[in-house]
């Protein structure tokens, strides 16, 4: 018997640059191991092994995925033990609450041969600079794409029935929560629905909603009020004392793409490209924002403008993704330098030490 796994992004490469939502996901932990070390030092592998070990012991595991590398994770959380391990190297900035008492820094640099790295110093610096430039180029493209997306949204915003949008929101709030108010402080977690990665857009909607009874798929267009409605639903849930998972848009972090309120078995999410999904369960429901709140014939009336905007937007997004792929390719070269300088038996000992500490935490809780 094993536990369950949920996957999500707690940081992302967005139109606003690199954005971290670590804080709300780590705030309840009583023990946090922060890994330090260069690329290729085994941070992701260490966290995956720890996660797999405790999963086999029937503990639920949360994997915080890396948006810059589809095969890597940035963190693992064993929430039942209030324990986490995270990558604490740049650009992941983690402000410790109680260093030594809650947070413990783990230096994987103990396992590398400094002389071998010194011999490759100029190459390390050169590749690191190129990686930084690639990310900056990606962020620039995404920022330009967001401005184009704003043009797209304006078409539908000026053709929206705001009264109908507000009515729909109120009806959903009533359907979800009725007259229920919980007499407790809500636990609100902010995450990303998906991520812009070197392999394109990736999301974990199916995994995150696997155990949610009622799923609401929002269909619509850019600017048809999806995010605004989700923000209002999330706020209402919070005011009523429900624990809320708020999933931000991996492209525009100021926009909301999904809200999950597990205490009432509700997940409602933007189900349009690039994270388009379709109902497959008996209790799945489609909410068509275009049909409900946008004036009839808007698509046809503005077809030429929409197609032109969509083309420019897609081109900028493709450029941005290509720069992320370039950064990943360069990162792989940098990793190879560090891997060649590593003694992974030392990393294994470090992992065993972390495992022992987590086991002791488990023992004290029983």
Protein backbone atom coordinates (compact mmCIF):
# COMPACT_ATOMS: atom_id res chain seq x y z
CA UNK A 1 0.00 0.00 0.00
CA UNK A 2 1.35 3.43 -0.94
CA UNK A 3 0.33 7.03 -0.49
CA UNK A 4 -0.85 9.40 -3.20
CA UNK A 5 1.17 11.92 -5.18
CA UNK A 6 0.15 15.41 -6.22
CA UNK A 7 2.20 17.39 -8.71
CA UNK A 8 2.30 21.14 -9.17
CA UNK A 9 4.48 24.13 -9.93
CA UNK A 10 5.30 26.52 -7.10
CA UNK A 11 7.45 28.74 -9.33
CA UNK A 12 7.39 29.65 -12.98
CA UNK A 13 8.90 31.37 -15.99
CA UNK A 14 6.25 33.98 -16.68
CA UNK A 15 5.58 37.23 -18.52
CA UNK A 16 6.58 38.93 -15.25
CA UNK A 17 9.91 37.04 -15.13
CA UNK A 18 10.67 34.28 -12.67
CA UNK A 19 7.94 34.18 -10.02
CA UNK A 20 7.97 32.06 -6.85
CA UNK A 21 4.89 31.01 -4.89
CA UNK A 22 6.88 28.90 -2.44
CA UNK A 23 5.82 30.77 0.69
CA UNK A 24 2.21 29.60 1.03
CA UNK A 25 3.19 25.99 0.34
CA UNK A 26 6.03 25.91 2.87
CA UNK A 27 4.52 28.05 5.63
CA UNK A 28 3.02 25.16 7.65
CA UNK A 29 6.15 23.02 7.66
CA UNK A 30 7.97 22.49 10.93
CA UNK A 31 11.12 21.16 9.29
CA UNK A 32 12.56 22.30 5.97
CA UNK A 33 15.79 21.07 4.41
CA UNK A 34 17.16 23.64 1.96
CA UNK A 35 19.57 22.15 -0.57
CA UNK A 36 22.50 24.22 -1.76
CA UNK A 37 24.78 23.26 -4.60
CA UNK A 38 25.36 23.80 -8.30
CA UNK A 39 23.63 22.19 -11.27
CA UNK A 40 24.21 18.47 -11.57
CA UNK A 41 24.89 17.98 -7.85
CA UNK A 42 21.95 15.60 -7.46
CA UNK A 43 19.39 17.81 -5.73
CA UNK A 44 16.41 16.65 -7.79
CA UNK A 45 17.42 12.97 -7.62
CA UNK A 46 17.88 13.21 -3.85
CA UNK A 47 14.40 14.68 -3.40
CA UNK A 48 12.79 12.14 -5.72
CA UNK A 49 14.38 9.26 -3.79
CA UNK A 50 13.20 10.62 -0.45
CA UNK A 51 9.71 11.13 -1.86
CA UNK A 52 9.57 7.61 -3.30
CA UNK A 53 10.74 6.14 0.01
CA UNK A 54 8.01 7.81 2.07
CA UNK A 55 5.42 7.16 -0.61
CA UNK A 56 6.06 3.43 -0.16
CA UNK A 57 5.46 3.94 3.57
CA UNK A 58 1.95 5.12 2.72
CA UNK A 59 2.59 8.85 3.12
CA UNK A 60 1.12 11.35 0.67
CA UNK A 61 3.77 13.21 -1.30
CA UNK A 62 3.78 16.59 -3.02
CA UNK A 63 6.28 17.15 -5.82
CA UNK A 64 7.09 20.75 -6.71
CA UNK A 65 8.12 20.57 -10.35
CA UNK A 66 10.77 22.63 -12.11
CA UNK A 67 9.46 24.74 -14.99
CA UNK A 68 12.96 25.05 -16.46
CA UNK A 69 13.60 21.30 -16.66
CA UNK A 70 10.76 18.87 -17.38
CA UNK A 71 12.61 15.99 -15.72
CA UNK A 72 13.50 17.78 -12.46
CA UNK A 73 11.71 18.76 -9.28
CA UNK A 74 12.36 21.78 -7.09
CA UNK A 75 10.93 20.32 -3.92
CA UNK A 76 9.20 17.48 -2.11
CA UNK A 77 6.77 17.83 0.79
CA UNK A 78 5.58 15.16 3.22
CA UNK A 79 2.75 17.20 4.67
CA UNK A 80 1.63 14.59 7.22
CA UNK A 81 5.06 14.93 8.84
CA UNK A 82 5.20 18.70 8.20
CA UNK A 83 8.55 18.12 6.47
CA UNK A 84 9.88 19.41 3.18
CA UNK A 85 13.04 19.45 1.10
CA UNK A 86 13.56 22.20 -1.46
CA UNK A 87 16.14 23.44 -3.92
CA UNK A 88 17.41 26.65 -2.36
CA UNK A 89 19.78 27.74 -5.13
CA UNK A 90 19.09 30.75 -7.35
CA UNK A 91 16.57 31.75 -8.53
CA UNK A 92 14.70 30.06 -5.65
CA UNK A 93 14.93 32.53 -2.81
CA UNK A 94 13.63 31.21 0.50
CA UNK A 95 13.49 33.49 3.51
CA UNK A 96 14.04 31.34 6.63
CA UNK A 97 11.68 31.82 9.58
CA UNK A 98 13.83 30.12 12.19
CA UNK A 99 17.22 29.00 10.79
CA UNK A 100 18.43 25.88 12.54
CA UNK A 101 15.12 25.31 14.28
CA UNK A 102 12.88 24.97 11.22
CA UNK A 103 15.19 25.42 8.26
CA UNK A 104 18.39 23.46 7.83
CA UNK A 105 20.81 24.21 5.01
CA UNK A 106 22.30 21.16 3.29
CA UNK A 107 25.45 21.76 1.26
CA UNK A 108 25.84 19.31 -1.61
CA UNK A 109 29.01 21.17 -2.51
CA UNK A 110 30.72 18.92 0.03
CA UNK A 111 30.60 16.21 -2.64
CA UNK A 112 32.42 18.04 -5.42
CA UNK A 113 36.08 18.26 -6.35
CA UNK A 114 36.80 21.99 -6.18
CA UNK A 115 40.01 21.65 -8.18
CA UNK A 116 38.18 20.14 -11.13
CA UNK A 117 35.62 22.95 -11.04
CA UNK A 118 38.36 25.58 -10.80
CA UNK A 119 39.93 24.11 -13.91
CA UNK A 120 36.66 24.77 -15.73
CA UNK A 121 36.02 28.17 -14.18
CA UNK A 122 35.94 30.21 -17.40
CA UNK A 123 33.62 27.69 -19.07
CA UNK A 124 31.28 27.64 -16.05
CA UNK A 125 31.10 31.45 -16.01
CA UNK A 126 30.54 31.64 -19.79
CA UNK A 127 27.74 29.06 -19.82
CA UNK A 128 26.11 30.57 -16.71
CA UNK A 129 26.00 33.98 -18.40
CA UNK A 130 24.51 32.47 -21.55
CA UNK A 131 21.82 30.71 -19.49
CA UNK A 132 20.93 33.98 -17.78
CA UNK A 133 20.69 35.73 -21.16
CA UNK A 134 18.47 32.96 -22.55
CA UNK A 135 16.04 33.32 -19.63
CA UNK A 136 15.95 37.09 -19.99
CA UNK A 137 15.16 36.70 -23.70
CA UNK A 138 12.35 34.28 -22.83
CA UNK A 139 10.89 36.69 -20.28
CA UNK A 140 11.06 39.52 -22.83
CA UNK A 141 9.16 37.43 -25.38
CA UNK A 142 6.54 36.42 -22.80
CA UNK A 143 6.09 40.06 -21.74
CA UNK A 144 5.54 41.05 -25.37
CA UNK A 145 3.10 38.15 -25.77
CA UNK A 146 1.15 39.37 -22.73
CA UNK A 147 0.72 42.82 -24.31
CA UNK A 148 -0.62 41.15 -27.45
CA UNK A 149 -2.89 38.99 -25.30
CA UNK A 150 -4.27 42.19 -23.76
CA UNK A 151 -5.31 43.30 -27.27
CA UNK A 152 -7.10 39.98 -27.68
CA UNK A 153 -8.91 40.38 -24.36
CA UNK A 154 -10.12 43.90 -25.17
CA UNK A 155 -12.21 42.60 -28.07
CA UNK A 156 -14.23 40.34 -25.79
CA UNK A 157 -14.31 42.70 -22.80
CA UNK A 158 -16.08 45.35 -24.86
CA UNK A 159 -18.58 42.71 -25.99
CA UNK A 160 -19.26 41.27 -22.53
CA UNK A 161 -22.51 41.30 -20.58
CA UNK A 162 -21.15 42.07 -17.11
CA UNK A 163 -24.55 41.63 -15.49
CA UNK A 164 -24.71 38.07 -16.83
CA UNK A 165 -21.14 37.43 -15.66
CA UNK A 166 -21.93 38.61 -12.12
CA UNK A 167 -25.14 36.55 -12.06
CA UNK A 168 -23.26 33.42 -13.13
CA UNK A 169 -20.63 33.98 -10.43
CA UNK A 170 -23.28 34.40 -7.71
CA UNK A 171 -25.09 31.26 -8.88
CA UNK A 172 -21.88 29.22 -8.72
CA UNK A 173 -21.01 30.56 -5.26
CA UNK A 174 -24.48 29.56 -4.04
CA UNK A 175 -24.17 26.13 -5.69
CA UNK A 176 -20.73 25.49 -4.19
CA UNK A 177 -21.17 26.81 -0.67
CA UNK A 178 -24.87 27.38 -0.03
CA UNK A 179 -25.25 28.84 3.45
CA UNK A 180 -22.20 27.05 4.86
CA UNK A 181 -19.67 29.03 6.90
CA UNK A 182 -16.84 27.27 8.71
CA UNK A 183 -15.72 28.63 12.03
CA UNK A 184 -11.99 28.39 11.35
CA UNK A 185 -9.05 30.19 9.78
CA UNK A 186 -8.76 29.16 6.12
CA UNK A 187 -5.54 27.67 4.79
CA UNK A 188 -4.85 29.28 1.41
CA UNK A 189 -2.20 27.92 -0.92
CA UNK A 190 -1.03 29.67 -4.08
CA UNK A 191 0.41 27.59 -6.91
CA UNK A 192 0.66 27.62 -10.68
CA UNK A 193 -1.83 25.67 -12.79
CA UNK A 194 0.90 24.89 -15.29
CA UNK A 195 4.22 26.08 -16.55
CA UNK A 196 5.94 27.38 -19.65
CA UNK A 197 8.68 24.78 -20.00
CA UNK A 198 11.40 23.92 -22.52
CA UNK A 199 8.92 21.41 -23.99
CA UNK A 200 6.04 23.88 -24.12
CA UNK A 201 3.04 24.31 -21.82
CA UNK A 202 2.57 21.61 -19.17
CA UNK A 203 -0.19 21.24 -16.58
CA UNK A 204 -1.15 18.78 -13.85
CA UNK A 205 -4.93 19.35 -13.85
CA UNK A 206 -5.83 15.68 -14.12
CA UNK A 207 -3.56 14.75 -11.22
CA UNK A 208 -4.65 17.65 -9.00
CA UNK A 209 -8.37 16.99 -9.55
CA UNK A 210 -8.16 13.17 -9.43
CA UNK A 211 -9.82 12.97 -6.01
CA UNK A 212 -12.18 15.92 -6.43
CA UNK A 213 -15.79 14.81 -6.89
CA UNK A 214 -17.13 17.73 -8.91
CA UNK A 215 -15.15 19.38 -11.70
CA UNK A 216 -16.26 22.48 -13.60
CA UNK A 217 -14.58 23.10 -16.96
CA UNK A 218 -14.68 26.76 -17.95
CA UNK A 219 -14.71 27.32 -21.70
CA UNK A 220 -14.48 30.74 -23.26
CA UNK A 221 -12.22 33.29 -24.86
CA UNK A 222 -9.48 35.63 -23.65
CA UNK A 223 -11.17 38.43 -21.73
CA UNK A 224 -14.45 36.60 -21.15
CA UNK A 225 -14.19 36.94 -17.36
CA UNK A 226 -12.84 33.51 -16.40
CA UNK A 227 -10.10 34.76 -14.07
CA UNK A 228 -12.29 37.43 -12.46
CA UNK A 229 -14.96 34.84 -11.69
CA UNK A 230 -12.38 32.45 -10.22
CA UNK A 231 -10.94 35.21 -8.03
CA UNK A 232 -14.41 35.96 -6.62
CA UNK A 233 -15.08 32.27 -5.94
CA UNK A 234 -11.72 31.89 -4.20
CA UNK A 235 -12.33 34.99 -2.08
CA UNK A 236 -15.78 33.78 -1.04
CA UNK A 237 -14.40 30.39 -0.06
CA UNK A 238 -11.71 32.07 2.02
CA UNK A 239 -14.19 34.42 3.73
CA UNK A 240 -16.34 31.41 4.66
CA UNK A 241 -13.36 29.62 6.24
CA UNK A 242 -12.72 26.98 3.58
CA UNK A 243 -9.19 25.87 2.76
CA UNK A 244 -8.47 27.00 -0.79
CA UNK A 245 -5.94 26.05 -3.43
CA UNK A 246 -5.51 28.95 -5.86
CA UNK A 247 -3.73 28.11 -9.10
CA UNK A 248 -2.28 31.06 -10.95
CA UNK A 249 -1.72 31.26 -14.68
CA UNK A 250 1.80 30.11 -15.57
CA UNK A 251 1.93 32.83 -18.24
CA UNK A 252 0.33 35.75 -16.37
CA UNK A 253 0.72 35.25 -12.58
CA UNK A 254 -1.84 38.00 -11.92
CA UNK A 255 -4.49 35.82 -13.52
CA UNK A 256 -6.18 32.81 -11.86
CA UNK A 257 -6.74 29.57 -13.79
CA UNK A 258 -8.10 27.16 -11.18
CA UNK A 259 -9.61 27.05 -7.70
CA UNK A 260 -9.93 23.84 -5.68
CA UNK A 261 -11.97 23.66 -2.47
CA UNK A 262 -11.52 20.07 -1.35
CA UNK A 263 -13.77 20.41 1.70
CA UNK A 264 -16.79 20.69 -0.62
CA UNK A 265 -15.34 18.54 -3.41
CA UNK A 266 -15.12 21.34 -5.97
CA UNK A 267 -12.55 22.10 -8.67
CA UNK A 268 -13.28 24.85 -11.19
CA UNK A 269 -10.72 25.72 -13.84
CA UNK A 270 -10.01 27.48 -17.12
CA UNK A 271 -10.14 24.64 -19.61
CA UNK A 272 -9.02 26.49 -22.72
CA UNK A 273 -5.73 26.20 -24.61
CA UNK A 274 -2.93 25.68 -23.65
CA UNK A 275 -4.52 23.68 -20.82
CA UNK A 276 -7.59 22.39 -22.61
CA UNK A 277 -9.33 19.36 -21.10
CA UNK A 278 -12.73 17.80 -21.65
CA UNK A 279 -15.29 16.14 -19.33
CA UNK A 280 -14.86 12.42 -18.82
CA UNK A 281 -16.70 11.76 -15.55
CA UNK A 282 -20.41 11.75 -14.68
CA UNK A 283 -20.12 14.84 -12.47
CA UNK A 284 -17.98 16.91 -14.85
CA UNK A 285 -19.70 20.11 -15.98
CA UNK A 286 -18.88 22.58 -18.77
CA UNK A 287 -19.40 26.31 -18.18
CA UNK A 288 -19.33 28.12 -21.54
CA UNK A 289 -18.47 31.76 -20.81
CA UNK A 290 -18.68 32.72 -24.48
CA UNK A 291 -22.23 31.46 -24.72
CA UNK A 292 -23.34 33.00 -21.42
CA UNK A 293 -21.62 36.40 -21.23
CA UNK A 294 -20.33 37.40 -24.71
CA UNK A 295 -22.51 39.06 -27.35
CA UNK A 296 -23.62 36.72 -30.12
CA UNK A 297 -21.52 36.94 -33.29
CA UNK A 298 -18.43 38.44 -31.65
CA UNK A 299 -16.12 35.74 -33.05
CA UNK A 300 -17.43 36.29 -36.56
CA UNK A 301 -17.50 40.09 -36.37
CA UNK A 302 -13.86 40.37 -35.29
CA UNK A 303 -12.52 37.23 -37.01
CA UNK A 304 -9.81 38.99 -39.01
CA UNK A 305 -8.49 40.97 -36.03
CA UNK A 306 -8.61 37.93 -33.75
CA UNK A 307 -6.70 35.76 -36.23
CA UNK A 308 -4.04 38.43 -36.71
CA UNK A 309 -3.63 38.92 -32.94
CA UNK A 310 -3.58 35.17 -32.34
CA UNK A 311 -0.82 34.76 -34.94
CA UNK A 312 1.37 37.43 -33.34
CA UNK A 313 0.74 36.00 -29.88
CA UNK A 314 1.63 32.45 -30.93
CA UNK A 315 4.83 33.62 -32.57
CA UNK A 316 6.02 35.42 -29.43
CA UNK A 317 5.18 32.42 -27.25
CA UNK A 318 7.09 30.11 -29.59
CA UNK A 319 10.09 32.42 -29.40
CA UNK A 320 9.93 32.44 -25.61
CA UNK A 321 9.72 28.64 -25.42
CA UNK A 322 12.68 28.35 -27.81
CA UNK A 323 14.77 30.45 -25.41
CA UNK A 324 13.74 28.19 -22.51
CA UNK A 325 14.84 25.20 -24.60
CA UNK A 326 18.14 26.95 -25.28
CA UNK A 327 18.60 27.60 -21.54
CA UNK A 328 17.90 23.92 -20.85
CA UNK A 329 20.47 22.83 -23.45
CA UNK A 330 23.07 25.11 -21.90
CA UNK A 331 22.12 23.95 -18.41
CA UNK A 332 22.73 20.35 -19.48
CA UNK A 333 26.27 21.32 -20.53
CA UNK A 334 26.85 23.02 -17.19
CA UNK A 335 25.48 19.98 -15.36
CA UNK A 336 27.92 17.73 -17.20
CA UNK A 337 30.85 19.75 -15.84
CA UNK A 338 29.59 19.44 -12.27
CA UNK A 339 28.62 15.77 -12.61
CA UNK A 340 32.18 14.96 -13.65
CA UNK A 341 33.43 16.67 -10.48
CA UNK A 342 30.98 14.97 -8.09
CA UNK A 343 31.39 12.05 -5.70
CA UNK A 344 27.82 10.82 -5.51
CA UNK A 345 28.59 8.42 -2.68
CA UNK A 346 28.88 11.55 -0.55
CA UNK A 347 25.48 12.71 -1.84
CA UNK A 348 24.03 9.32 -0.88
CA UNK A 349 25.37 9.78 2.66
CA UNK A 350 23.82 13.25 2.82
CA UNK A 351 20.48 11.82 1.69
CA UNK A 352 20.70 9.03 4.30
CA UNK A 353 21.35 11.65 6.96
CA UNK A 354 18.25 13.58 5.90
CA UNK A 355 16.23 10.35 5.87
CA UNK A 356 17.34 9.57 9.43
CA UNK A 357 16.25 12.99 10.62
CA UNK A 358 12.86 12.60 8.94
CA UNK A 359 12.47 9.13 10.51
CA UNK A 360 13.12 10.63 13.95
CA UNK A 361 10.43 13.23 13.30
CA UNK A 362 8.08 10.40 12.38
CA UNK A 363 8.96 8.50 15.57
CA UNK A 364 8.27 11.53 17.77
CA UNK A 365 4.82 11.87 16.23
CA UNK A 366 3.86 8.31 17.17
